[in-house]
PDB file of N, CA and C in Angstrom:
ATOM      1  N   UNK A   1      73.738 112.998  83.368  1.00  0.00           N
ATOM      2  CA  UNK A   1      75.127 113.038  83.142  1.00  0.00           C
ATOM      3  C   UNK A   1      75.344 111.538  83.587  1.00  0.00           C
ATOM      4  N   UNK A   2      76.372 110.885  82.724  1.00  0.00           N
ATOM      5  CA  UNK A   2      76.791 109.448  82.649  1.00  0.00           C
ATOM      6  C   UNK A   2      78.322 109.666  83.312  1.00  0.00           C
ATOM      7  N   UNK A   3      78.994 108.472  83.674  1.00  0.00           N
ATOM      8  CA  UNK A   3      80.087 108.292  84.173  1.00  0.00           C
ATOM      9  C   UNK A   3      81.104 108.695  82.894  1.00  0.00           C
ATOM     10  N   UNK A   4      81.290 108.456  81.839  1.00  0.00           N
ATOM     11  CA  UNK A   4      81.868 108.831  80.748  1.00  0.00           C
ATOM     12  C   UNK A   4      81.855 110.434  80.600  1.00  0.00           C
ATOM     13  N   UNK A   5      80.776 110.662  80.389  1.00  0.00           N
ATOM     14  CA  UNK A   5      80.490 112.306  80.362  1.00  0.00           C
ATOM     15  C   UNK A   5      81.015 112.915  81.297  1.00  0.00           C
ATOM     16  N   UNK A   6      80.987 112.602  82.710  1.00  0.00           N
ATOM     17  CA  UNK A   6      81.385 113.296  83.784  1.00  0.00           C
ATOM     18  C   UNK A   6      82.901 113.295  83.959  1.00  0.00           C
ATOM     19  N   UNK A   7      83.474 112.274  83.288  1.00  0.00           N
ATOM     20  CA  UNK A   7      84.845 112.190  83.240  1.00  0.00           C
ATOM     21  C   UNK A   7      85.553 113.036  82.180  1.00  0.00           C
ATOM     22  N   UNK A   8      84.909 113.094  81.290  1.00  0.00           N
ATOM     23  CA  UNK A   8      85.224 113.999  79.947  1.00  0.00           C
ATOM     24  C   UNK A   8      85.026 115.631  80.304  1.00  0.00           C
ATOM     25  N   UNK A   9      84.059 115.776  81.258  1.00  0.00           N
ATOM     26  CA  UNK A   9      84.039 117.205  81.751  1.00  0.00           C
ATOM     27  C   UNK A   9      85.019 117.441  82.536  1.00  0.00           C
ATOM     28  N   UNK A  10      85.292 116.493  83.639  1.00  0.00           N
ATOM     29  CA  UNK A  10      86.372 116.854  84.693  1.00  0.00           C
ATOM     30  C   UNK A  10      87.795 116.961  84.081  1.00  0.00           C
ATOM     31  N   UNK A  11      87.973 116.080  83.052  1.00  0.00           N
ATOM     32  CA  UNK A  11      89.206 116.143  81.996  1.00  0.00           C
ATOM     33  C   UNK A  11      89.310 117.646  81.505  1.00  0.00           C
ATOM     34  N   UNK A  12      88.412 117.852  80.840  1.00  0.00           N
ATOM     35  CA  UNK A  12      88.060 119.152  80.017  1.00  0.00           C
ATOM     36  C   UNK A  12      88.569 120.414  80.910  1.00  0.00           C
ATOM     37  N   UNK A  13      87.836 120.515  82.171  1.00  0.00           N
ATOM     38  CA  UNK A  13      88.021 121.453  83.182  1.00  0.00           C
ATOM     39  C   UNK A  13      89.349 121.475  83.730  1.00  0.00           C
ATOM     40  N   UNK A  14      89.950 120.337  84.096  1.00  0.00           N
ATOM     41  CA  UNK A  14      91.197 120.317  84.400  1.00  0.00           C
ATOM     42  C   UNK A  14      92.142 120.754  83.478  1.00  0.00           C
ATOM     43  N   UNK A  15      91.895 120.666  82.308  1.00  0.00           N
ATOM     44  CA  UNK A  15      92.977 120.934  81.303  1.00  0.00           C
ATOM     45  C   UNK A  15      92.488 122.665  80.791  1.00  0.00           C
ATOM     46  N   UNK A  16      91.731 123.163  81.608  1.00  0.00           N
ATOM     47  CA  UNK A  16      91.243 124.528  81.338  1.00  0.00           C
ATOM     48  C   UNK A  16      90.554 124.925  79.950  1.00  0.00           C
ATOM     49  N   UNK A  17      90.029 123.831  79.462  1.00  0.00           N
ATOM     50  CA  UNK A  17      89.195 124.126  78.283  1.00  0.00           C
ATOM     51  C   UNK A  17      87.773 124.297  78.325  1.00  0.00           C
ATOM     52  N   UNK A  18      87.311 125.258  77.636  1.00  0.00           N
ATOM     53  CA  UNK A  18      85.788 125.289  77.286  1.00  0.00           C
ATOM     54  C   UNK A  18      85.155 124.155  76.455  1.00  0.00           C
ATOM     55  N   UNK A  19      83.863 124.049  76.441  1.00  0.00           N
ATOM     56  CA  UNK A  19      83.112 123.027  75.591  1.00  0.00           C
ATOM     57  C   UNK A  19      83.311 123.406  74.138  1.00  0.00           C
ATOM     58  N   UNK A  20      83.574 124.763  73.977  1.00  0.00           N
ATOM     59  CA  UNK A  20      83.827 125.003  72.496  1.00  0.00           C
ATOM     60  C   UNK A  20      85.325 124.780  72.151  1.00  0.00           C
ATOM     61  N   UNK A  21      86.371 124.922  72.968  1.00  0.00           N
ATOM     62  CA  UNK A  21      87.599 124.566  72.833  1.00  0.00           C
ATOM     63  C   UNK A  21      87.966 123.308  72.692  1.00  0.00           C
ATOM     64  N   UNK A  22      87.063 122.426  73.496  1.00  0.00           N
ATOM     65  CA  UNK A  22      87.174 120.864  73.350  1.00  0.00           C
ATOM     66  C   UNK A  22      86.437 120.474  71.992  1.00  0.00           C
ATOM     67  N   UNK A  23      85.390 121.200  71.774  1.00  0.00           N
ATOM     68  CA  UNK A  23      84.880 120.676  70.407  1.00  0.00           C
ATOM     69  C   UNK A  23      85.714 121.077  69.381  1.00  0.00           C
ATOM     70  N   UNK A  24      86.146 122.195  69.273  1.00  0.00           N
ATOM     71  CA  UNK A  24      87.277 122.395  68.169  1.00  0.00           C
ATOM     72  C   UNK A  24      88.533 121.500  68.138  1.00  0.00           C
ATOM     73  N   UNK A  25      89.038 121.054  69.458  1.00  0.00           N
ATOM     74  CA  UNK A  25      90.069 120.030  69.402  1.00  0.00           C
ATOM     75  C   UNK A  25      89.595 118.765  68.762  1.00  0.00           C
ATOM     76  N   UNK A  26      88.298 118.416  69.050  1.00  0.00           N
ATOM     77  CA  UNK A  26      87.828 116.682  68.364  1.00  0.00           C
ATOM     78  C   UNK A  26      87.062 117.216  67.015  1.00  0.00           C
ATOM     79  N   UNK A  27      87.155 118.246  66.577  1.00  0.00           N
ATOM     80  CA  UNK A  27      86.412 118.564  65.373  1.00  0.00           C
ATOM     81  C   UNK A  27      85.330 118.468  65.378  1.00  0.00           C
ATOM     82  N   UNK A  28      84.316 119.018  66.338  1.00  0.00           N
ATOM     83  CA  UNK A  28      82.973 118.712  66.619  1.00  0.00           C
ATOM     84  C   UNK A  28      82.150 120.276  66.703  1.00  0.00           C
ATOM     85  N   UNK A  29      81.005 120.150  66.714  1.00  0.00           N
ATOM     86  CA  UNK A  29      80.383 121.784  66.880  1.00  0.00           C
ATOM     87  C   UNK A  29      80.224 121.406  68.395  1.00  0.00           C
ATOM     88  N   UNK A  30      80.129 122.688  69.296  1.00  0.00           N
ATOM     89  CA  UNK A  30      80.030 122.730  70.657  1.00  0.00           C
ATOM     90  C   UNK A  30      78.580 121.987  70.982  1.00  0.00           C
ATOM     91  N   UNK A  31      77.668 122.192  70.219  1.00  0.00           N
ATOM     92  CA  UNK A  31      76.549 121.425  70.898  1.00  0.00           C
ATOM     93  C   UNK A  31      76.620 119.689  70.430  1.00  0.00           C
ATOM     94  N   UNK A  32      77.359 119.125  69.656  1.00  0.00           N
ATOM     95  CA  UNK A  32      77.801 117.879  69.462  1.00  0.00           C
ATOM     96  C   UNK A  32      78.707 117.465  70.618  1.00  0.00           C
ATOM     97  N   UNK A  33      79.449 118.342  71.058  1.00  0.00           N
ATOM     98  CA  UNK A  33      80.395 117.947  72.097  1.00  0.00           C
ATOM     99  C   UNK A  33      79.670 117.932  73.344  1.00  0.00           C
ATOM    100  N   UNK A  34      78.974 118.842  73.596  1.00  0.00           N
ATOM    101  CA  UNK A  34      77.988 118.962  74.945  1.00  0.00           C
ATOM    102  C   UNK A  34      77.090 117.595  74.950  1.00  0.00           C
ATOM    103  N   UNK A  35      76.500 117.033  73.772  1.00  0.00           N
ATOM    104  CA  UNK A  35      75.867 115.838  73.865  1.00  0.00           C
ATOM    105  C   UNK A  35      76.688 114.638  74.425  1.00  0.00           C
ATOM    106  N   UNK A  36      77.880 114.679  74.076  1.00  0.00           N
ATOM    107  CA  UNK A  36      78.945 113.770  74.411  1.00  0.00           C
ATOM    108  C   UNK A  36      79.289 113.893  75.911  1.00  0.00           C
ATOM    109  N   UNK A  37      79.280 115.069  76.601  1.00  0.00           N
ATOM    110  CA  UNK A  37      79.388 115.056  77.841  1.00  0.00           C
ATOM    111  C   UNK A  37      77.931 114.494  78.572  1.00  0.00           C
ATOM    112  N   UNK A  38      76.828 114.929  77.891  1.00  0.00           N
ATOM    113  CA  UNK A  38      75.732 114.443  78.372  1.00  0.00           C
ATOM    114  C   UNK A  38      75.364 113.064  78.301  1.00  0.00           C
ATOM    115  N   UNK A  39      75.703 112.319  77.401  1.00  0.00           N
ATOM    116  CA  UNK A  39      75.303 111.018  76.721  1.00  0.00           C
ATOM    117  C   UNK A  39      76.469 110.216  76.292  1.00  0.00           C
ATOM    118  N   UNK A  40      77.600 110.388  76.892  1.00  0.00           N
ATOM    119  CA  UNK A  40      79.009 109.751  76.663  1.00  0.00           C
ATOM    120  C   UNK A  40      78.895 108.159  76.569  1.00  0.00           C
ATOM    121  N   UNK A  41      77.855 107.768  77.541  1.00  0.00           N
ATOM    122  CA  UNK A  41      77.920 106.284  77.941  1.00  0.00           C
ATOM    123  C   UNK A  41      77.682 105.719  76.468  1.00  0.00           C
ATOM    124  N   UNK A  42      77.107 106.185  75.595  1.00  0.00           N
ATOM    125  CA  UNK A  42      76.791 105.344  74.215  1.00  0.00           C
ATOM    126  C   UNK A  42      77.782 105.527  73.094  1.00  0.00           C
ATOM    127  N   UNK A  43      79.018 106.252  73.492  1.00  0.00           N
ATOM    128  CA  UNK A  43      79.977 106.401  72.419  1.00  0.00           C
ATOM    129  C   UNK A  43      80.727 105.141  71.982  1.00  0.00           C
ATOM    130  N   UNK A  44      80.805 105.048  70.828  1.00  0.00           N
ATOM    131  CA  UNK A  44      81.547 103.803  70.460  1.00  0.00           C
ATOM    132  C   UNK A  44      82.736 103.897  70.826  1.00  0.00           C
ATOM    133  N   UNK A  45      83.509 102.711  71.133  1.00  0.00           N
ATOM    134  CA  UNK A  45      85.041 102.610  71.350  1.00  0.00           C
ATOM    135  C   UNK A  45      86.060 103.310  70.578  1.00  0.00           C
ATOM    136  N   UNK A  46      85.330 103.221  69.203  1.00  0.00           N
ATOM    137  CA  UNK A  46      86.224 104.072  68.099  1.00  0.00           C
ATOM    138  C   UNK A  46      86.455 105.637  68.466  1.00  0.00           C
ATOM    139  N   UNK A  47      85.069 106.008  68.796  1.00  0.00           N
ATOM    140  CA  UNK A  47      85.282 107.522  69.303  1.00  0.00           C
ATOM    141  C   UNK A  47      85.920 107.916  70.517  1.00  0.00           C
ATOM    142  N   UNK A  48      85.734 107.024  71.571  1.00  0.00           N
ATOM    143  CA  UNK A  48      86.533 107.205  72.842  1.00  0.00           C
ATOM    144  C   UNK A  48      88.254 107.166  72.510  1.00  0.00           C
ATOM    145  N   UNK A  49      88.418 106.383  71.320  1.00  0.00           N
ATOM    146  CA  UNK A  49      89.756 106.236  71.384  1.00  0.00           C
ATOM    147  C   UNK A  49      90.498 107.479  70.473  1.00  0.00           C
ATOM    148  N   UNK A  50      89.572 108.077  69.758  1.00  0.00           N
ATOM    149  CA  UNK A  50      89.736 109.359  68.869  1.00  0.00           C
ATOM    150  C   UNK A  50      89.938 110.414  70.181  1.00  0.00           C
ATOM    151  N   UNK A  51      89.211 110.296  71.041  1.00  0.00           N
ATOM    152  CA  UNK A  51      89.307 111.374  72.166  1.00  0.00           C
ATOM    153  C   UNK A  51      90.402 111.235  73.090  1.00  0.00           C
ATOM    154  N   UNK A  52      90.574 110.040  73.360  1.00  0.00           N
ATOM    155  CA  UNK A  52      92.015 109.783  74.115  1.00  0.00           C
ATOM    156  C   UNK A  52      93.270 110.369  73.580  1.00  0.00           C
ATOM    157  N   UNK A  53      93.167 109.975  72.104  1.00  0.00           N
ATOM    158  CA  UNK A  53      94.408 110.445  71.366  1.00  0.00           C
ATOM    159  C   UNK A  53      94.705 111.985  71.420  1.00  0.00           C
ATOM    160  N   UNK A  54      93.354 112.326  70.987  1.00  0.00           N
ATOM    161  CA  UNK A  54      93.442 113.962  71.013  1.00  0.00           C
ATOM    162  C   UNK A  54      93.999 114.787  72.272  1.00  0.00           C
ATOM    163  N   UNK A  55      93.412 114.050  73.327  1.00  0.00           N
ATOM    164  CA  UNK A  55      93.751 114.641  74.685  1.00  0.00           C
ATOM    165  C   UNK A  55      95.119 114.047  75.174  1.00  0.00           C
ATOM    166  N   UNK A  56      95.608 113.310  74.619  1.00  0.00           N
ATOM    167  CA  UNK A  56      96.842 112.400  74.850  1.00  0.00           C
ATOM    168  C   UNK A  56      96.867 111.913  76.347  1.00  0.00           C
ATOM    169  N   UNK A  57      95.612 111.097  76.430  1.00  0.00           N
ATOM    170  CA  UNK A  57      95.474 110.286  77.665  1.00  0.00           C
ATOM    171  C   UNK A  57      94.975 109.003  77.060  1.00  0.00           C
ATOM    172  N   UNK A  58      95.491 107.655  78.297  1.00  0.00           N
ATOM    173  CA  UNK A  58      95.172 106.513  78.086  1.00  0.00           C
ATOM    174  C   UNK A  58      93.438 106.514  77.933  1.00  0.00           C
ATOM    175  N   UNK A  59      92.739 105.666  77.203  1.00  0.00           N
ATOM    176  CA  UNK A  59      91.795 105.302  77.143  1.00  0.00           C
ATOM    177  C   UNK A  59      90.753 105.155  78.427  1.00  0.00           C
ATOM    178  N   UNK A  60      91.700 104.263  79.225  1.00  0.00           N
ATOM    179  CA  UNK A  60      90.860 103.886  80.426  1.00  0.00           C
ATOM    180  C   UNK A  60      90.809 105.081  81.475  1.00  0.00           C
ATOM    181  N   UNK A  61      91.548 106.256  81.107  1.00  0.00           N
ATOM    182  CA  UNK A  61      91.235 107.445  82.009  1.00  0.00           C
ATOM    183  C   UNK A  61      89.753 107.871  81.721  1.00  0.00           C
ATOM    184  N   UNK A  62      89.273 107.895  80.429  1.00  0.00           N
ATOM    185  CA  UNK A  62      87.802 108.029  80.253  1.00  0.00           C
ATOM    186  C   UNK A  62      87.036 107.174  80.524  1.00  0.00           C
ATOM    187  N   UNK A  63      87.176 106.030  80.036  1.00  0.00           N
ATOM    188  CA  UNK A  63      86.363 104.797  80.712  1.00  0.00           C
ATOM    189  C   UNK A  63      87.155 103.584  81.233  1.00  0.00           C
ATOM    190  N   UNK A  64      87.067 103.574  82.258  1.00  0.00           N
ATOM    191  CA  UNK A  64      88.022 102.804  83.119  1.00  0.00           C
ATOM    192  C   UNK A  64      87.843 101.304  82.828  1.00  0.00           C
ATOM    193  N   UNK A  65      86.516 100.925  82.465  1.00  0.00           N
ATOM    194  CA  UNK A  65      86.236  99.815  81.672  1.00  0.00           C
ATOM    195  C   UNK A  65      86.989  99.243  80.881  1.00  0.00           C
ATOM    196  N   UNK A  66      87.493 100.071  79.785  1.00  0.00           N
ATOM    197  CA  UNK A  66      88.237  99.808  78.493  1.00  0.00           C
ATOM    198  C   UNK A  66      89.785  99.804  79.407  1.00  0.00           C
ATOM    199  N   UNK A  67      90.410  98.924  78.481  1.00  0.00           N
ATOM    200  CA  UNK A  67      92.086  98.707  78.813  1.00  0.00           C
ATOM    201  C   UNK A  67      92.059  98.026  80.202  1.00  0.00           C
ATOM    202  N   UNK A  68      91.466  97.596  80.711  1.00  0.00           N
ATOM    203  CA  UNK A  68      91.310  96.981  81.801  1.00  0.00           C
ATOM    204  C   UNK A  68      91.615  95.471  81.789  1.00  0.00           C
ATOM    205  N   UNK A  69      92.750  94.810  82.346  1.00  0.00           N
ATOM    206  CA  UNK A  69      93.234  93.540  82.359  1.00  0.00           C
ATOM    207  C   UNK A  69      93.447  92.909  83.793  1.00  0.00           C
ATOM    208  N   UNK A  70      92.528  92.083  84.198  1.00  0.00           N
ATOM    209  CA  UNK A  70      92.801  91.270  85.560  1.00  0.00           C
ATOM    210  C   UNK A  70      92.851  89.728  85.151  1.00  0.00           C
ATOM    211  N   UNK A  71      93.563  88.959  86.208  1.00  0.00           N
ATOM    212  CA  UNK A  71      93.883  87.845  85.952  1.00  0.00           C
ATOM    213  C   UNK A  71      93.274  87.050  87.211  1.00  0.00           C
ATOM    214  N   UNK A  72      92.804  85.785  87.223  1.00  0.00           N
ATOM    215  CA  UNK A  72      92.563  85.200  88.344  1.00  0.00           C
ATOM    216  C   UNK A  72      92.778  83.614  88.330  1.00  0.00           C
ATOM    217  N   UNK A  73      92.967  82.870  89.038  1.00  0.00           N
ATOM    218  CA  UNK A  73      92.935  81.486  89.136  1.00  0.00           C
ATOM    219  C   UNK A  73      91.688  80.904  88.772  1.00  0.00           C
ATOM    220  N   UNK A  74      91.624  79.838  87.684  1.00  0.00           N
ATOM    221  CA  UNK A  74      90.622  79.170  87.169  1.00  0.00           C
ATOM    222  C   UNK A  74      90.767  77.798  87.231  1.00  0.00           C
ATOM    223  N   UNK A  75      89.906  77.059  87.356  1.00  0.00           N
ATOM    224  CA  UNK A  75      89.882  75.362  87.522  1.00  0.00           C
ATOM    225  C   UNK A  75      90.524  74.982  86.449  1.00  0.00           C
ATOM    226  N   UNK A  76      90.704  75.341  85.246  1.00  0.00           N
ATOM    227  CA  UNK A  76      91.595  74.697  84.106  1.00  0.00           C
ATOM    228  C   UNK A  76      92.521  75.662  83.542  1.00  0.00           C
ATOM    229  N   UNK A  77      92.943  76.528  84.355  1.00  0.00           N
ATOM    230  CA  UNK A  77      94.158  77.391  83.842  1.00  0.00           C
ATOM    231  C   UNK A  77      93.745  78.672  84.805  1.00  0.00           C
ATOM    232  N   UNK A  78      94.111  79.682  83.852  1.00  0.00           N
ATOM    233  CA  UNK A  78      94.190  81.046  84.406  1.00  0.00           C
ATOM    234  C   UNK A  78      93.206  81.855  83.628  1.00  0.00           C
ATOM    235  N   UNK A  79      92.496  82.618  84.368  1.00  0.00           N
ATOM    236  CA  UNK A  79      91.465  83.262  84.106  1.00  0.00           C
ATOM    237  C   UNK A  79      91.881  84.742  83.769  1.00  0.00           C
ATOM    238  N   UNK A  80      91.546  85.188  82.562  1.00  0.00           N
ATOM    239  CA  UNK A  80      91.753  86.656  82.140  1.00  0.00           C
ATOM    240  C   UNK A  80      90.543  87.396  81.768  1.00  0.00           C
ATOM    241  N   UNK A  81      90.524  88.596  82.203  1.00  0.00           N
ATOM    242  CA  UNK A  81      89.284  89.479  82.065  1.00  0.00           C
ATOM    243  C   UNK A  81      89.831  90.930  81.265  1.00  0.00           C
ATOM    244  N   UNK A  82      89.453  90.844  80.092  1.00  0.00           N
ATOM    245  CA  UNK A  82      90.034  91.843  79.213  1.00  0.00           C
ATOM    246  C   UNK A  82      88.684  92.850  78.736  1.00  0.00           C
ATOM    247  N   UNK A  83      88.505  94.088  78.900  1.00  0.00           N
ATOM    248  CA  UNK A  83      87.411  94.725  78.706  1.00  0.00           C
ATOM    249  C   UNK A  83      85.921  93.961  78.659  1.00  0.00           C
ATOM    250  N   UNK A  84      85.997  93.271  80.116  1.00  0.00           N
ATOM    251  CA  UNK A  84      84.879  92.681  80.582  1.00  0.00           C
ATOM    252  C   UNK A  84      84.559  91.192  79.770  1.00  0.00           C
ATOM    253  N   UNK A  85      85.597  90.826  78.927  1.00  0.00           N
ATOM    254  CA  UNK A  85      85.228  89.523  78.374  1.00  0.00           C
ATOM    255  C   UNK A  85      86.357  88.522  79.044  1.00  0.00           C
ATOM    256  N   UNK A  86      85.610  87.359  79.573  1.00  0.00           N
ATOM    257  CA  UNK A  86      86.412  86.456  80.090  1.00  0.00           C
ATOM    258  C   UNK A  86      86.940  85.310  79.083  1.00  0.00           C
ATOM    259  N   UNK A  87      88.156  84.946  79.329  1.00  0.00           N
ATOM    260  CA  UNK A  87      88.981  84.016  78.890  1.00  0.00           C
ATOM    261  C   UNK A  87      89.773  82.958  79.771  1.00  0.00           C
ATOM    262  N   UNK A  88      89.631  81.851  79.298  1.00  0.00           N
ATOM    263  CA  UNK A  88      90.599  80.688  80.261  1.00  0.00           C
ATOM    264  C   UNK A  88      91.634  80.614  79.563  1.00  0.00           C
ATOM    265  N   UNK A  89      92.875  80.709  79.864  1.00  0.00           N
ATOM    266  CA  UNK A  89      94.107  80.201  79.169  1.00  0.00           C
ATOM    267  C   UNK A  89      94.368  78.960  80.043  1.00  0.00           C
ATOM    268  N   UNK A  90      94.564  77.971  79.005  1.00  0.00           N
ATOM    269  CA  UNK A  90      94.817  76.460  79.611  1.00  0.00           C
ATOM    270  C   UNK A  90      96.374  76.448  79.891  1.00  0.00           C
ATOM    271  N   UNK A  91      96.648  75.996  80.980  1.00  0.00           N
ATOM    272  CA  UNK A  91      98.001  75.747  81.401  1.00  0.00           C
ATOM    273  C   UNK A  91      98.012  74.556  81.818  1.00  0.00           C
ATOM    274  N   UNK A  92      99.349  74.017  82.030  1.00  0.00           N
ATOM    275  CA  UNK A  92      99.461  72.542  82.442  1.00  0.00           C
ATOM    276  C   UNK A  92      99.533  72.589  83.850  1.00  0.00           C
ATOM    277  N   UNK A  93      98.507  71.736  84.277  1.00  0.00           N
ATOM    278  CA  UNK A  93      98.141  71.760  85.803  1.00  0.00           C
ATOM    279  C   UNK A  93      99.497  71.168  86.751  1.00  0.00           C
ATOM    280  N   UNK A  94     100.296  70.456  85.878  1.00  0.00           N
ATOM    281  CA  UNK A  94     101.395  70.062  86.560  1.00  0.00           C
ATOM    282  C   UNK A  94     102.562  70.828  86.878  1.00  0.00           C
ATOM    283  N   UNK A  95     102.529  71.869  85.840  1.00  0.00           N
ATOM    284  CA  UNK A  95     103.691  73.014  86.190  1.00  0.00           C
ATOM    285  C   UNK A  95     103.612  73.717  87.385  1.00  0.00           C
ATOM    286  N   UNK A  96     104.868  73.799  88.010  1.00  0.00           N
ATOM    287  CA  UNK A  96     104.878  74.381  89.146  1.00  0.00           C
ATOM    288  C   UNK A  96     104.851  75.762  89.048  1.00  0.00           C
ATOM    289  N   UNK A  97     105.699  76.357  87.918  1.00  0.00           N
ATOM    290  CA  UNK A  97     106.076  77.677  87.589  1.00  0.00           C
ATOM    291  C   UNK A  97     105.633  78.131  86.279  1.00  0.00           C
ATOM    292  N   UNK A  98     105.142  79.215  86.147  1.00  0.00           N
ATOM    293  CA  UNK A  98     104.300  79.743  84.928  1.00  0.00           C
ATOM    294  C   UNK A  98     105.150  80.919  84.274  1.00  0.00           C
ATOM    295  N   UNK A  99     105.856  80.918  83.496  1.00  0.00           N
ATOM    296  CA  UNK A  99     106.648  81.944  83.039  1.00  0.00           C
ATOM    297  C   UNK A  99     105.941  83.139  82.769  1.00  0.00           C
ATOM    298  N   UNK A 100     105.923  84.140  83.402  1.00  0.00           N
ATOM    299  CA  UNK A 100     105.126  85.328  83.252  1.00  0.00           C
ATOM    300  C   UNK A 100     105.267  86.079  81.992  1.00  0.00           C
ATOM    301  N   UNK A 101     106.515  85.895  81.284  1.00  0.00           N
ATOM    302  CA  UNK A 101     106.617  86.509  79.981  1.00  0.00           C
ATOM    303  C   UNK A 101     105.704  85.926  78.969  1.00  0.00           C
ATOM    304  N   UNK A 102     105.452  84.112  79.348  1.00  0.00           N
ATOM    305  CA  UNK A 102     104.539  83.713  78.270  1.00  0.00           C
ATOM    306  C   UNK A 102     103.213  84.237  78.444  1.00  0.00           C
ATOM    307  N   UNK A 103     102.711  84.439  79.850  1.00  0.00           N
ATOM    308  CA  UNK A 103     101.556  84.830  79.956  1.00  0.00           C
ATOM    309  C   UNK A 103     101.021  86.242  79.550  1.00  0.00           C
ATOM    310  N   UNK A 104     102.335  86.994  79.410  1.00  0.00           N
ATOM    311  CA  UNK A 104     102.045  88.585  78.768  1.00  0.00           C
ATOM    312  C   UNK A 104     101.836  88.316  77.425  1.00  0.00           C
ATOM    313  N   UNK A 105     102.650  87.583  76.803  1.00  0.00           N
ATOM    314  CA  UNK A 105     102.343  87.356  75.272  1.00  0.00           C
ATOM    315  C   UNK A 105     100.871  86.770  74.924  1.00  0.00           C
ATOM    316  N   UNK A 106     100.395  85.735  75.790  1.00  0.00           N
ATOM    317  CA  UNK A 106      99.063  85.379  75.396  1.00  0.00           C
ATOM    318  C   UNK A 106      97.919  86.616  75.842  1.00  0.00           C
ATOM    319  N   UNK A 107      98.169  87.451  76.688  1.00  0.00           N
ATOM    320  CA  UNK A 107      97.283  88.271  77.103  1.00  0.00           C
ATOM    321  C   UNK A 107      97.323  89.492  75.931  1.00  0.00           C
ATOM    322  N   UNK A 108      98.341  89.554  75.506  1.00  0.00           N
ATOM    323  CA  UNK A 108      98.581  90.646  74.205  1.00  0.00           C
ATOM    324  C   UNK A 108      97.888  89.959  73.064  1.00  0.00           C
ATOM    325  N   UNK A 109      98.011  88.890  72.737  1.00  0.00           N
ATOM    326  CA  UNK A 109      97.161  88.438  71.862  1.00  0.00           C
ATOM    327  C   UNK A 109      95.850  88.333  71.986  1.00  0.00           C
ATOM    328  N   UNK A 110      95.217  87.999  73.139  1.00  0.00           N
ATOM    329  CA  UNK A 110      93.990  88.096  73.378  1.00  0.00           C
ATOM    330  C   UNK A 110      93.411  89.765  73.153  1.00  0.00           C
ATOM    331  N   UNK A 111      94.237  90.611  73.851  1.00  0.00           N
ATOM    332  CA  UNK A 111      93.763  91.916  73.509  1.00  0.00           C
ATOM    333  C   UNK A 111      93.655  92.302  71.798  1.00  0.00           C
ATOM    334  N   UNK A 112      94.706  92.029  71.191  1.00  0.00           N
ATOM    335  CA  UNK A 112      94.533  92.042  69.767  1.00  0.00           C
ATOM    336  C   UNK A 112      93.365  91.144  69.159  1.00  0.00           C
ATOM    337  N   UNK A 113      93.087  90.159  69.566  1.00  0.00           N
ATOM    338  CA  UNK A 113      91.739  89.510  69.130  1.00  0.00           C
ATOM    339  C   UNK A 113      90.408  90.361  69.345  1.00  0.00           C
ATOM    340  N   UNK A 114      90.746  90.868  70.490  1.00  0.00           N
ATOM    341  CA  UNK A 114      89.409  91.686  71.013  1.00  0.00           C
ATOM    342  C   UNK A 114      89.283  92.885  70.299  1.00  0.00           C
ATOM    343  N   UNK A 115      90.520  93.729  69.979  1.00  0.00           N
ATOM    344  CA  UNK A 115      90.414  94.718  69.385  1.00  0.00           C
ATOM    345  C   UNK A 115      89.955  94.474  67.943  1.00  0.00           C
ATOM    346  N   UNK A 116      90.365  93.622  67.350  1.00  0.00           N
ATOM    347  CA  UNK A 116      90.213  93.033  65.997  1.00  0.00           C
ATOM    348  C   UNK A 116      88.183  92.746  65.974  1.00  0.00           C
ATOM    349  N   UNK A 117      87.872  92.216  66.890  1.00  0.00           N
ATOM    350  CA  UNK A 117      86.423  91.702  66.875  1.00  0.00           C
ATOM    351  C   UNK A 117      85.479  93.066  67.246  1.00  0.00           C
ATOM    352  N   UNK A 118      86.010  94.116  68.090  1.00  0.00           N
ATOM    353  CA  UNK A 118      85.416  95.284  68.336  1.00  0.00           C
ATOM    354  C   UNK A 118      85.535  95.913  66.960  1.00  0.00           C
ATOM    355  N   UNK A 119      86.453  96.196  66.424  1.00  0.00           N
ATOM    356  CA  UNK A 119      86.399  96.852  65.014  1.00  0.00           C
ATOM    357  C   UNK A 119      85.617  96.004  63.951  1.00  0.00           C
ATOM    358  N   UNK A 120      85.479  95.015  63.857  1.00  0.00           N
ATOM    359  CA  UNK A 120      84.358  94.021  63.235  1.00  0.00           C
ATOM    360  C   UNK A 120      83.222  94.583  63.308  1.00  0.00           C
ATOM    361  N   UNK A 121      82.851  94.711  64.798  1.00  0.00           N
ATOM    362  CA  UNK A 121      81.467  94.897  65.339  1.00  0.00           C
ATOM    363  C   UNK A 121      81.113  96.392  64.648  1.00  0.00           C
ATOM    364  N   UNK A 122      82.073  97.329  65.188  1.00  0.00           N
ATOM    365  CA  UNK A 122      81.784  98.685  64.747  1.00  0.00           C
ATOM    366  C   UNK A 122      81.554  98.717  63.262  1.00  0.00           C
ATOM    367  N   UNK A 123      82.288  98.196  62.388  1.00  0.00           N
ATOM    368  CA  UNK A 123      82.117  98.164  60.923  1.00  0.00           C
ATOM    369  C   UNK A 123      80.864  97.731  60.470  1.00  0.00           C
ATOM    370  N   UNK A 124      80.215  96.476  61.224  1.00  0.00           N
ATOM    371  CA  UNK A 124      79.051  96.125  60.924  1.00  0.00           C
ATOM    372  C   UNK A 124      77.908  97.198  61.401  1.00  0.00           C
ATOM    373  N   UNK A 125      78.311  97.814  62.421  1.00  0.00           N
ATOM    374  CA  UNK A 125      77.266  98.825  62.974  1.00  0.00           C
ATOM    375  C   UNK A 125      76.781 100.175  62.089  1.00  0.00           C
ATOM    376  N   UNK A 126      78.041 100.205  61.290  1.00  0.00           N
ATOM    377  CA  UNK A 126      77.959 101.631  60.702  1.00  0.00           C
ATOM    378  C   UNK A 126      77.170 101.576  59.136  1.00  0.00           C
TER     379      UNK A 126
END
C-alpha cells in the first residue's frame, strides 16, 4: 500500500465506511476502489480532486503534496513552491517592505497557471 492509498483507507475508516460504501460514493465497483487504496499513488490529479469533493475534504488531506504552498528567500526575489514546482517571483531588491496582498495575488496567479497546465497534461494523456 502507498501513502495515498493508506490515507484513503484511514479516511474511509474514520468515516465508518466499508470499501463497498466508499466505492458507491465514488461511482466505482468495490474492486476498482480496492485498487485505488492499493495503488492510489498513480491516480491522476483529476481523480484525487473528484474523491476530495465527494468526501468533502481538502485535496491535501488525501495527498499532502498537492495544494502545498511554501515561500523562501531567493537571490533574485521570492521563491515559491507550489505542488513541487519552483518559481521565482522577481521583486525590487531595493524595496524594504513587500506588500503581502501583492504576494498573495501572484501566488494565486501561479496556482491558476499550474492548474491549467495540469489539466492540459491530463487531457493529452487521455
